[in-house]
């Protein structure tokens, strides 16, 4: 399942942050480290999916 009507990006983002938090973060400081990496990956993922929809 992709993004719903483009506006679902925020929820998708939160979902991935939560998954990553439980997978990788043992300490609060880890969350900040991974949050940055995940946001980069997600921006790429979301923009790629948006581009495919626009074609």
N, C-alpha and C. Protein backbone atom coordinates (compact mmCIF):
# COMPACT_ATOMS: atom_id res chain seq x y z
N UNK A 1 0.82 -1.20 0.00
CA UNK A 1 0.00 0.00 0.00
C UNK A 1 0.86 1.26 0.00
N UNK A 2 0.51 2.17 -0.88
CA UNK A 2 1.27 3.41 -0.96
C UNK A 2 0.63 4.49 -0.11
N UNK A 3 0.93 5.71 -0.46
CA UNK A 3 0.36 6.84 0.26
C UNK A 3 -1.06 7.08 -0.24
N UNK A 4 -1.93 7.40 0.67
CA UNK A 4 -3.29 7.75 0.28
C UNK A 4 -3.34 9.25 0.00
N UNK A 5 -3.84 9.60 -1.14
CA UNK A 5 -4.08 10.99 -1.59
C UNK A 5 -3.00 11.99 -1.16
N UNK A 6 -1.77 11.54 -1.09
CA UNK A 6 -0.66 12.46 -0.83
C UNK A 6 -0.61 12.98 0.59
N UNK A 7 -1.76 13.10 1.25
CA UNK A 7 -1.80 13.67 2.59
C UNK A 7 -1.42 12.68 3.68
N UNK A 8 -1.29 11.40 3.32
CA UNK A 8 -0.98 10.37 4.30
C UNK A 8 0.48 10.33 4.69
N UNK A 9 1.29 11.19 4.12
CA UNK A 9 2.73 11.17 4.36
C UNK A 9 3.09 11.30 5.82
N UNK A 10 2.38 12.17 6.53
CA UNK A 10 2.69 12.39 7.94
C UNK A 10 2.49 11.14 8.77
N UNK A 11 1.40 10.43 8.51
CA UNK A 11 1.12 9.21 9.27
C UNK A 11 2.14 8.14 8.94
N UNK A 12 2.48 8.05 7.68
CA UNK A 12 3.48 7.07 7.24
C UNK A 12 4.80 7.36 7.94
N UNK A 13 5.16 8.63 7.98
CA UNK A 13 6.41 9.05 8.61
C UNK A 13 6.42 8.64 10.08
N UNK A 14 5.33 8.91 10.79
CA UNK A 14 5.25 8.57 12.21
C UNK A 14 5.35 7.07 12.41
N UNK A 15 4.72 6.33 11.51
CA UNK A 15 4.75 4.87 11.62
C UNK A 15 6.19 4.36 11.51
N UNK A 16 6.92 4.86 10.53
CA UNK A 16 8.30 4.41 10.35
C UNK A 16 9.18 4.82 11.51
N UNK A 17 8.96 6.02 12.03
CA UNK A 17 9.74 6.46 13.20
C UNK A 17 9.50 5.51 14.36
N UNK A 18 8.22 5.14 14.57
CA UNK A 18 7.89 4.25 15.67
C UNK A 18 8.54 2.88 15.49
N UNK A 19 8.46 2.33 14.27
CA UNK A 19 9.08 1.04 13.99
C UNK A 19 10.58 1.11 14.25
N UNK A 20 11.20 2.15 13.73
CA UNK A 20 12.64 2.31 13.89
C UNK A 20 13.01 2.46 15.36
N UNK A 21 12.17 3.17 16.09
CA UNK A 21 12.45 3.38 17.50
C UNK A 21 12.50 2.05 18.23
N UNK A 22 11.52 1.20 17.99
CA UNK A 22 11.49 -0.09 18.69
C UNK A 22 12.60 -1.01 18.21
N UNK A 23 12.96 -0.90 16.94
CA UNK A 23 13.99 -1.78 16.40
C UNK A 23 15.38 -1.39 16.88
N UNK A 24 15.69 -0.10 16.82
CA UNK A 24 17.08 0.32 16.97
C UNK A 24 17.40 1.06 18.25
N UNK A 25 16.43 1.68 18.86
CA UNK A 25 16.75 2.65 19.90
C UNK A 25 16.67 2.04 21.29
N UNK A 26 17.79 2.00 21.94
CA UNK A 26 17.85 1.54 23.32
C UNK A 26 17.83 2.74 24.27
N UNK A 27 18.37 3.83 23.79
CA UNK A 27 18.45 5.05 24.60
C UNK A 27 17.76 6.18 23.86
N UNK A 28 17.36 7.20 24.58
CA UNK A 28 16.71 8.35 23.97
C UNK A 28 17.64 9.01 22.94
N UNK A 29 18.92 9.05 23.23
CA UNK A 29 19.87 9.71 22.31
C UNK A 29 19.94 8.97 20.97
N UNK A 30 19.70 7.65 20.99
CA UNK A 30 19.71 6.90 19.74
C UNK A 30 18.58 7.35 18.81
N UNK A 31 17.46 7.70 19.41
CA UNK A 31 16.30 8.10 18.60
C UNK A 31 16.66 9.29 17.72
N UNK A 32 17.36 10.25 18.27
CA UNK A 32 17.72 11.45 17.53
C UNK A 32 18.62 11.08 16.35
N UNK A 33 19.58 10.21 16.61
CA UNK A 33 20.49 9.75 15.54
C UNK A 33 19.70 9.09 14.42
N UNK A 34 18.86 8.14 14.77
CA UNK A 34 18.15 7.37 13.76
C UNK A 34 17.04 8.18 13.10
N UNK A 35 16.44 9.08 13.85
CA UNK A 35 15.35 9.89 13.31
C UNK A 35 15.86 10.68 12.10
N UNK A 36 17.07 11.19 12.19
CA UNK A 36 17.64 11.95 11.10
C UNK A 36 17.84 11.07 9.87
N UNK A 37 18.43 9.89 10.08
CA UNK A 37 18.66 8.96 8.97
C UNK A 37 17.35 8.53 8.33
N UNK A 38 16.38 8.22 9.17
CA UNK A 38 15.09 7.74 8.67
C UNK A 38 14.39 8.85 7.88
N UNK A 39 14.49 10.08 8.36
CA UNK A 39 13.81 11.17 7.65
C UNK A 39 14.38 11.33 6.24
N UNK A 40 15.69 11.12 6.08
CA UNK A 40 16.30 11.21 4.75
C UNK A 40 15.76 10.09 3.86
N UNK A 41 15.73 8.88 4.38
CA UNK A 41 15.23 7.74 3.62
C UNK A 41 13.76 7.95 3.25
N UNK A 42 12.99 8.42 4.22
CA UNK A 42 11.56 8.60 3.97
C UNK A 42 11.29 9.69 2.94
N UNK A 43 12.05 10.78 3.00
CA UNK A 43 11.86 11.85 2.01
C UNK A 43 12.09 11.30 0.61
N UNK A 44 13.11 10.49 0.47
CA UNK A 44 13.40 9.88 -0.82
C UNK A 44 12.26 8.96 -1.24
N UNK A 45 11.82 8.12 -0.31
CA UNK A 45 10.77 7.15 -0.57
C UNK A 45 9.46 7.85 -0.95
N UNK A 46 9.09 8.86 -0.20
CA UNK A 46 7.84 9.56 -0.45
C UNK A 46 7.89 10.32 -1.77
N UNK A 47 8.99 11.01 -2.04
CA UNK A 47 9.07 11.77 -3.29
C UNK A 47 9.09 10.83 -4.48
N UNK A 48 9.71 9.66 -4.34
CA UNK A 48 9.74 8.69 -5.42
C UNK A 48 8.32 8.20 -5.72
N UNK A 49 7.57 7.92 -4.67
CA UNK A 49 6.21 7.43 -4.85
C UNK A 49 5.32 8.51 -5.45
N UNK A 50 5.53 9.75 -5.04
CA UNK A 50 4.76 10.87 -5.60
C UNK A 50 5.04 11.00 -7.10
N UNK A 51 6.30 10.85 -7.48
CA UNK A 51 6.68 10.98 -8.89
C UNK A 51 6.02 9.89 -9.72
N UNK A 52 5.96 8.68 -9.18
CA UNK A 52 5.35 7.58 -9.93
C UNK A 52 3.86 7.82 -10.14
N UNK A 53 3.21 8.46 -9.16
CA UNK A 53 1.78 8.75 -9.28
C UNK A 53 1.53 9.82 -10.34
N UNK A 54 2.45 10.76 -10.47
CA UNK A 54 2.26 11.89 -11.37
C UNK A 54 2.49 11.54 -12.83
N UNK A 55 3.13 10.44 -13.07
CA UNK A 55 3.44 10.06 -14.46
C UNK A 55 2.17 9.60 -15.18
